[in-house]
Amino acid sequence: MPHSPEVPSVSYTVRTVRSDEWERLRSIRLEALADAPEAFITTLAEATAFADDLWIERARAGAAGDTQVTVIAVSEADTVGLAVGLWDPERSGSVMPVVSVFVAPRARRCGLGSAMMDAVHAWGRGKGATSSSLWVVDGNDSARRFYEGLGYRRTLDRHRITVPPVRWETRMTLQLR
């Protein structure tokens, strides 16, 4: 009999972060950096040292939706997911960069990652984005497969991350329809 993934017994909602939820945002970002340090450029030590004002501003910007959107997966007492879409047409043209994507291990494989990405993509389309772009660290095969399942395709664009540990990452893109 095939193994079926365990589904969390708690119900989660995918939504845009509220401007007053900076502590929730900080908590899930720190969890992401602790769980998968090789997948991000910022280190846990760096993010832990960030002043509260930085987290407050990130929550406000992510809630406002002008130049970014921050989507979270939450229950009443828990935050288990994060995805951020950025919008700067002067810098990126009609491409919406996606960063900081994370689903906590306790809530993986139950559709929250896809739901968060759908929300980020919808926001980007509303801003006028025609495609989405993100970077995946070489060796992070589960993330690459997840993005491929959403329709992202690898490009030949590669970048060396010089922050230790030194590693390479590959850009993936998705046409937004």
Protein backbone atom coordinates (compact mmCIF):
# COMPACT_ATOMS: atom_id res chain seq x y z
CA MET A 1 0.00 0.00 0.00
CA PRO A 2 1.49 3.41 -0.96
CA HIS A 3 2.34 5.78 1.86
CA SER A 4 0.16 8.86 1.94
CA PRO A 5 1.56 12.09 3.37
CA GLU A 6 0.39 12.98 6.83
CA VAL A 7 -2.08 15.86 6.76
CA PRO A 8 -1.94 18.33 9.64
CA SER A 9 -4.93 18.05 11.96
CA VAL A 10 -5.04 21.84 12.29
CA SER A 11 -6.75 23.96 9.64
CA TYR A 12 -4.58 26.66 8.09
CA THR A 13 -5.53 29.79 6.18
CA VAL A 14 -3.42 31.33 3.42
CA ARG A 15 -3.62 35.12 3.43
CA THR A 16 -1.66 38.34 3.22
CA VAL A 17 0.19 39.26 6.39
CA ARG A 18 -1.42 42.07 8.39
CA SER A 19 0.64 45.17 9.15
CA ASP A 20 0.63 44.43 12.89
CA GLU A 21 1.88 40.84 12.50
CA TRP A 22 5.60 41.56 12.54
CA GLU A 23 6.23 39.04 15.33
CA ARG A 24 4.45 36.32 13.35
CA LEU A 25 6.51 37.24 10.27
CA ARG A 26 9.76 37.23 12.24
CA SER A 27 8.92 33.87 13.80
CA ILE A 28 8.29 32.05 10.50
CA ARG A 29 11.31 33.65 8.82
CA LEU A 30 13.60 32.59 11.67
CA GLU A 31 12.12 29.09 11.53
CA ALA A 32 12.86 28.97 7.78
CA LEU A 33 16.47 30.02 8.32
CA ALA A 34 16.91 27.45 11.10
CA ASP A 35 15.29 24.64 9.08
CA ALA A 36 16.98 25.25 5.72
CA PRO A 37 20.00 27.55 6.20
CA GLU A 38 21.54 26.54 2.86
CA ALA A 39 18.44 27.66 0.94
CA PHE A 40 18.70 31.33 1.92
CA ILE A 41 21.37 34.00 1.72
CA THR A 42 20.51 35.61 5.07
CA THR A 43 21.76 33.60 8.03
CA LEU A 44 19.81 32.82 11.17
CA ALA A 45 22.34 34.80 13.22
CA GLU A 46 21.91 37.86 11.00
CA ALA A 47 18.12 37.71 11.04
CA THR A 48 17.99 37.13 14.79
CA ALA A 49 19.99 40.34 15.26
CA PHE A 50 17.63 42.45 13.10
CA ALA A 51 15.93 45.22 15.06
CA ASP A 52 12.19 45.00 15.67
CA ASP A 53 11.77 48.08 13.43
CA LEU A 54 12.97 46.08 10.41
CA TRP A 55 10.35 43.35 11.02
CA ILE A 56 7.68 45.99 11.63
CA GLU A 57 8.52 47.62 8.28
CA ARG A 58 8.57 44.28 6.46
CA ALA A 59 5.12 43.44 7.81
CA ARG A 60 3.78 46.87 6.84
CA ALA A 61 5.24 46.66 3.33
CA GLY A 62 4.03 43.08 2.83
CA ALA A 63 0.53 44.02 3.96
CA ALA A 64 0.34 47.24 1.91
CA GLY A 65 0.91 45.42 -1.37
CA ASP A 66 2.42 48.39 -3.18
CA THR A 67 5.88 47.05 -3.96
CA GLN A 68 5.63 43.66 -2.30
CA VAL A 69 3.17 41.16 -0.93
CA THR A 70 3.86 38.82 1.95
CA VAL A 71 1.64 35.76 2.04
CA ILE A 72 1.52 33.54 5.11
CA ALA A 73 -0.12 30.25 6.05
CA VAL A 74 -1.58 30.46 9.55
CA SER A 75 -3.84 28.90 12.13
CA GLU A 76 -5.02 30.81 15.16
CA ALA A 77 -1.90 29.90 17.12
CA ASP A 78 0.69 28.93 14.50
CA THR A 79 2.39 30.28 11.38
CA VAL A 80 3.67 27.57 9.05
CA GLY A 81 4.34 29.24 5.71
CA LEU A 82 5.74 32.30 3.99
CA ALA A 83 6.12 33.56 0.41
CA VAL A 84 7.01 37.06 -0.78
CA GLY A 85 6.41 38.64 -4.19
CA LEU A 86 8.26 41.82 -5.17
CA TRP A 87 7.26 44.49 -7.67
CA ASP A 88 9.73 47.00 -9.08
CA PRO A 89 9.03 47.42 -12.82
CA GLU A 90 11.91 49.91 -13.21
CA ARG A 91 14.32 47.21 -12.04
CA SER A 92 12.65 43.96 -13.13
CA GLY A 93 10.45 45.00 -16.04
CA SER A 94 7.32 42.86 -16.11
CA VAL A 95 8.97 40.06 -14.08
CA MET A 96 7.85 39.54 -10.48
CA PRO A 97 10.65 38.13 -8.31
CA VAL A 98 9.54 35.66 -5.62
CA VAL A 99 11.66 35.24 -2.47
CA SER A 100 11.60 33.73 1.01
CA VAL A 101 9.33 30.79 0.18
CA PHE A 102 9.02 28.33 3.07
CA VAL A 103 6.61 25.78 4.49
CA ALA A 104 7.37 24.36 7.93
CA PRO A 105 8.04 20.60 7.97
CA ARG A 106 4.92 20.00 10.12
CA ALA A 107 2.69 21.38 7.35
CA ARG A 108 4.35 20.21 4.14
CA ARG A 109 2.65 18.26 1.36
CA CYS A 110 -0.86 19.42 2.12
CA GLY A 111 -1.18 22.20 -0.50
CA LEU A 112 -0.15 25.24 1.52
CA GLY A 113 2.93 25.99 -0.61
CA SER A 114 0.87 25.89 -3.79
CA ALA A 115 -1.85 28.05 -2.23
CA MET A 116 0.68 30.65 -1.10
CA MET A 117 2.32 30.72 -4.53
CA ASP A 118 -1.11 31.05 -6.20
CA ALA A 119 -1.79 34.11 -4.02
CA VAL A 120 1.59 35.65 -4.84
CA HIS A 121 1.08 34.99 -8.57
CA ALA A 122 -2.42 36.55 -8.46
CA TRP A 123 -1.00 39.65 -6.80
CA GLY A 124 1.74 39.87 -9.43
CA ARG A 125 -0.73 39.54 -12.29
CA GLY A 126 -2.76 42.33 -10.68
CA LYS A 127 0.34 44.52 -10.73
CA GLY A 128 0.96 43.76 -14.42
CA ALA A 129 3.60 41.05 -14.13
CA THR A 130 3.76 38.71 -17.11
CA SER A 131 6.19 36.28 -15.51
CA SER A 132 7.61 35.24 -12.18
CA SER A 133 11.22 34.49 -11.35
CA LEU A 134 12.93 32.82 -8.41
CA TRP A 135 16.26 31.26 -7.53
CA VAL A 136 16.82 27.72 -6.26
CA VAL A 137 20.06 26.64 -4.63
CA ASP A 138 21.71 23.69 -6.36
CA GLY A 139 20.98 20.51 -4.46
CA ASN A 140 17.62 21.71 -3.10
CA ASP A 141 15.85 19.13 -5.24
CA SER A 142 12.59 19.11 -3.28
CA ALA A 143 12.17 22.86 -3.83
CA ARG A 144 13.08 22.53 -7.51
CA ARG A 145 10.51 19.73 -7.96
CA PHE A 146 7.88 21.79 -6.11
CA TYR A 147 8.43 24.77 -8.41
CA GLU A 148 8.47 22.56 -11.51
CA GLY A 149 5.11 21.17 -10.37
CA LEU A 150 3.78 24.74 -10.42
CA GLY A 151 5.04 25.19 -13.98
CA TYR A 152 8.37 26.91 -13.33
CA ARG A 153 11.17 26.00 -15.71
CA ARG A 154 14.90 26.16 -15.14
CA THR A 155 16.83 28.71 -17.13
CA LEU A 156 20.52 28.79 -18.02
CA ASP A 157 20.93 31.77 -15.68
CA ARG A 158 23.13 30.77 -12.74
CA HIS A 159 24.57 32.76 -9.86
CA ARG A 160 27.29 32.01 -7.32
CA ILE A 161 26.39 32.82 -3.73
CA THR A 162 29.59 33.97 -2.07
CA VAL A 163 28.19 34.09 1.46
CA PRO A 164 29.45 30.96 3.25
CA PRO A 165 28.83 28.27 2.50
CA VAL A 166 29.65 29.16 -1.10
CA ARG A 167 27.11 27.57 -3.45
CA TRP A 168 25.40 28.02 -6.78
CA GLU A 169 21.78 28.74 -7.57
CA THR A 170 19.71 28.57 -10.75
CA ARG A 171 16.94 30.92 -11.84
CA MET A 172 13.53 29.43 -12.59
CA THR A 173 10.75 31.29 -14.38
CA LEU A 174 7.01 30.94 -14.87
CA GLN A 175 4.81 32.67 -17.42
CA LEU A 176 1.83 34.25 -15.65
CA ARG A 177 -1.33 34.06 -17.70
